[in-house]
Amino acid sequence: MYNDSIETLLLRHYGSTAPAPQTLEQQLVRSIRQEAAELQRQQGIARRIRTHRMNRRRAVRLVAIGSAGLGLLSIGMEGLQALEVALLGQDATQSALP
């Protein structure tokens, strides 16, 4: 898609002698206001995130959740290893050399 100006698009669509649509200005103003409101909302969220202090309780909870996730992953890997031993009859993680 080309990055044409509003004037170029109007000329291409309506021609040089046709009048502009009646509600064009109101639609453009409404669209610009909506974009400005959305931008302000996003900036407000970003500002709150930057200034939000994390207390110790929340930090400990995040670390605990992360550790629990790693623990579950480790248990899952051990389970896969045990399943592999049961299916193949040998431990694939053992060294081939004595």
C-alpha atoms as a PDB file:
ATOM      1  CA  MET A   1       0.000   0.000   0.000  1.00  0.00           C
ATOM      2  CA  TYR A   2       1.228   3.440  -0.864  1.00  0.00           C
ATOM      3  CA  ASN A   3       1.704   6.166   1.725  1.00  0.00           C
ATOM      4  CA  ASP A   4      -0.386   8.761  -0.100  1.00  0.00           C
ATOM      5  CA  SER A   5      -1.685  11.951   1.433  1.00  0.00           C
ATOM      6  CA  ILE A   6      -5.396  12.495   2.062  1.00  0.00           C
ATOM      7  CA  GLU A   7      -5.516  14.981  -0.797  1.00  0.00           C
ATOM      8  CA  THR A   8      -3.990  12.480  -3.238  1.00  0.00           C
ATOM      9  CA  LEU A   9      -6.446   9.784  -2.202  1.00  0.00           C
ATOM     10  CA  LEU A  10      -9.412  12.139  -2.542  1.00  0.00           C
ATOM     11  CA  LEU A  11      -8.277  13.284  -5.981  1.00  0.00           C
ATOM     12  CA  ARG A  12      -7.770   9.706  -7.109  1.00  0.00           C
ATOM     13  CA  HIS A  13     -11.187   8.634  -5.817  1.00  0.00           C
ATOM     14  CA  TYR A  14     -13.371  11.662  -6.560  1.00  0.00           C
ATOM     15  CA  GLY A  15     -11.456  13.544  -9.244  1.00  0.00           C
ATOM     16  CA  SER A  16     -10.392  17.186  -9.228  1.00  0.00           C
ATOM     17  CA  THR A  17     -13.864  18.676  -9.725  1.00  0.00           C
ATOM     18  CA  ALA A  18     -15.829  16.633  -7.172  1.00  0.00           C
ATOM     19  CA  PRO A  19     -16.496  18.086  -3.721  1.00  0.00           C
ATOM     20  CA  ALA A  20     -15.050  16.466  -0.617  1.00  0.00           C
ATOM     21  CA  PRO A  21     -17.377  14.143   1.332  1.00  0.00           C
ATOM     22  CA  GLN A  22     -19.631  16.013   3.745  1.00  0.00           C
ATOM     23  CA  THR A  23     -18.519  14.305   6.949  1.00  0.00           C
ATOM     24  CA  LEU A  24     -14.844  13.933   6.065  1.00  0.00           C
ATOM     25  CA  GLU A  25     -13.598  16.596   8.466  1.00  0.00           C
ATOM     26  CA  GLN A  26     -15.629  15.226  11.378  1.00  0.00           C
ATOM     27  CA  GLN A  27     -14.391  11.687  10.681  1.00  0.00           C
ATOM     28  CA  LEU A  28     -10.778  12.852  10.553  1.00  0.00           C
ATOM     29  CA  VAL A  29     -11.114  14.833  13.789  1.00  0.00           C
ATOM     30  CA  ARG A  30     -12.768  11.860  15.527  1.00  0.00           C
ATOM     31  CA  SER A  31     -10.050   9.519  14.301  1.00  0.00           C
ATOM     32  CA  ILE A  32      -7.257  11.833  15.468  1.00  0.00           C
ATOM     33  CA  ARG A  33      -8.890  12.233  18.885  1.00  0.00           C
ATOM     34  CA  GLN A  34      -9.241   8.458  19.249  1.00  0.00           C
ATOM     35  CA  GLU A  35      -5.585   7.964  18.353  1.00  0.00           C
ATOM     36  CA  ALA A  36      -4.532  10.660  20.830  1.00  0.00           C
ATOM     37  CA  ALA A  37      -6.642   9.079  23.596  1.00  0.00           C
ATOM     38  CA  GLU A  38      -5.142   5.649  22.879  1.00  0.00           C
ATOM     39  CA  LEU A  39      -1.629   7.092  22.908  1.00  0.00           C
ATOM     40  CA  GLN A  40      -2.293   8.810  26.253  1.00  0.00           C
ATOM     41  CA  ARG A  41      -3.674   5.560  27.672  1.00  0.00           C
ATOM     42  CA  GLN A  42      -0.586   3.620  26.559  1.00  0.00           C
ATOM     43  CA  GLN A  43       1.734   6.288  27.940  1.00  0.00           C
ATOM     44  CA  GLY A  44      -0.141   6.196  31.267  1.00  0.00           C
ATOM     45  CA  ILE A  45       0.255   2.420  31.465  1.00  0.00           C
ATOM     46  CA  ALA A  46       3.962   2.691  30.649  1.00  0.00           C
ATOM     47  CA  ARG A  47       4.401   5.419  33.278  1.00  0.00           C
ATOM     48  CA  ARG A  48       2.669   3.287  35.932  1.00  0.00           C
ATOM     49  CA  ILE A  49       4.840   0.303  35.071  1.00  0.00           C
ATOM     50  CA  ARG A  50       8.041   2.366  35.271  1.00  0.00           C
ATOM     51  CA  THR A  51       7.135   3.952  38.600  1.00  0.00           C
ATOM     52  CA  HIS A  52       5.570   0.875  40.223  1.00  0.00           C
ATOM     53  CA  ARG A  53       7.735  -0.289  43.078  1.00  0.00           C
ATOM     54  CA  MET A  54       7.909  -3.984  43.701  1.00  0.00           C
ATOM     55  CA  ASN A  55       7.653  -4.958  47.329  1.00  0.00           C
ATOM     56  CA  ARG A  56       9.600  -7.850  48.814  1.00  0.00           C
ATOM     57  CA  ARG A  57       6.580 -10.100  49.144  1.00  0.00           C
ATOM     58  CA  ARG A  58       5.817  -9.846  45.436  1.00  0.00           C
ATOM     59  CA  ALA A  59       9.471 -10.367  44.502  1.00  0.00           C
ATOM     60  CA  VAL A  60       9.675 -13.484  46.686  1.00  0.00           C
ATOM     61  CA  ARG A  61       6.450 -14.775  45.148  1.00  0.00           C
ATOM     62  CA  LEU A  62       7.795 -14.290  41.614  1.00  0.00           C
ATOM     63  CA  VAL A  63      11.042 -16.061  42.497  1.00  0.00           C
ATOM     64  CA  ALA A  64       9.103 -18.913  44.131  1.00  0.00           C
ATOM     65  CA  ILE A  65       6.861 -19.323  41.096  1.00  0.00           C
ATOM     66  CA  GLY A  66       9.900 -19.344  38.807  1.00  0.00           C
ATOM     67  CA  SER A  67      11.682 -21.879  40.993  1.00  0.00           C
ATOM     68  CA  ALA A  68       8.603 -24.086  41.128  1.00  0.00           C
ATOM     69  CA  GLY A  69       8.384 -23.980  37.348  1.00  0.00           C
ATOM     70  CA  LEU A  70      12.022 -25.018  37.025  1.00  0.00           C
ATOM     71  CA  GLY A  71      11.448 -27.794  39.569  1.00  0.00           C
ATOM     72  CA  LEU A  72       8.503 -29.129  37.585  1.00  0.00           C
ATOM     73  CA  LEU A  73      10.574 -29.000  34.420  1.00  0.00           C
ATOM     74  CA  SER A  74      13.344 -30.966  36.136  1.00  0.00           C
ATOM     75  CA  ILE A  75      10.872 -33.575  37.396  1.00  0.00           C
ATOM     76  CA  GLY A  76       9.444 -33.859  33.896  1.00  0.00           C
ATOM     77  CA  MET A  77      12.907 -34.410  32.417  1.00  0.00           C
ATOM     78  CA  GLU A  78      13.660 -37.101  35.015  1.00  0.00           C
ATOM     79  CA  GLY A  79      10.364 -38.780  34.175  1.00  0.00           C
ATOM     80  CA  LEU A  80      11.240 -38.778  30.479  1.00  0.00           C
ATOM     81  CA  GLN A  81      14.623 -40.280  31.292  1.00  0.00           C
ATOM     82  CA  ALA A  82      12.976 -43.026  33.381  1.00  0.00           C
ATOM     83  CA  LEU A  83      10.534 -43.727  30.552  1.00  0.00           C
ATOM     84  CA  GLU A  84      13.409 -43.966  28.100  1.00  0.00           C
ATOM     85  CA  VAL A  85      15.220 -46.435  30.361  1.00  0.00           C
ATOM     86  CA  ALA A  86      12.054 -48.513  30.664  1.00  0.00           C
ATOM     87  CA  LEU A  87      11.445 -48.561  26.908  1.00  0.00           C
ATOM     88  CA  LEU A  88      15.010 -48.985  25.684  1.00  0.00           C
ATOM     89  CA  GLY A  89      16.349 -51.010  28.573  1.00  0.00           C
ATOM     90  CA  GLN A  90      19.413 -48.825  29.017  1.00  0.00           C
ATOM     91  CA  ASP A  91      20.231 -45.376  30.348  1.00  0.00           C
ATOM     92  CA  ALA A  92      21.067 -43.106  27.396  1.00  0.00           C
ATOM     93  CA  THR A  93      22.767 -40.572  29.670  1.00  0.00           C
ATOM     94  CA  GLN A  94      25.483 -42.991  30.771  1.00  0.00           C
ATOM     95  CA  SER A  95      28.877 -42.657  29.209  1.00  0.00           C
ATOM     96  CA  ALA A  96      29.865 -45.143  26.521  1.00  0.00           C
ATOM     97  CA  LEU A  97      33.371 -45.274  27.979  1.00  0.00           C
ATOM     98  CA  PRO A  98      34.017 -47.251  31.203  1.00  0.00           C
END
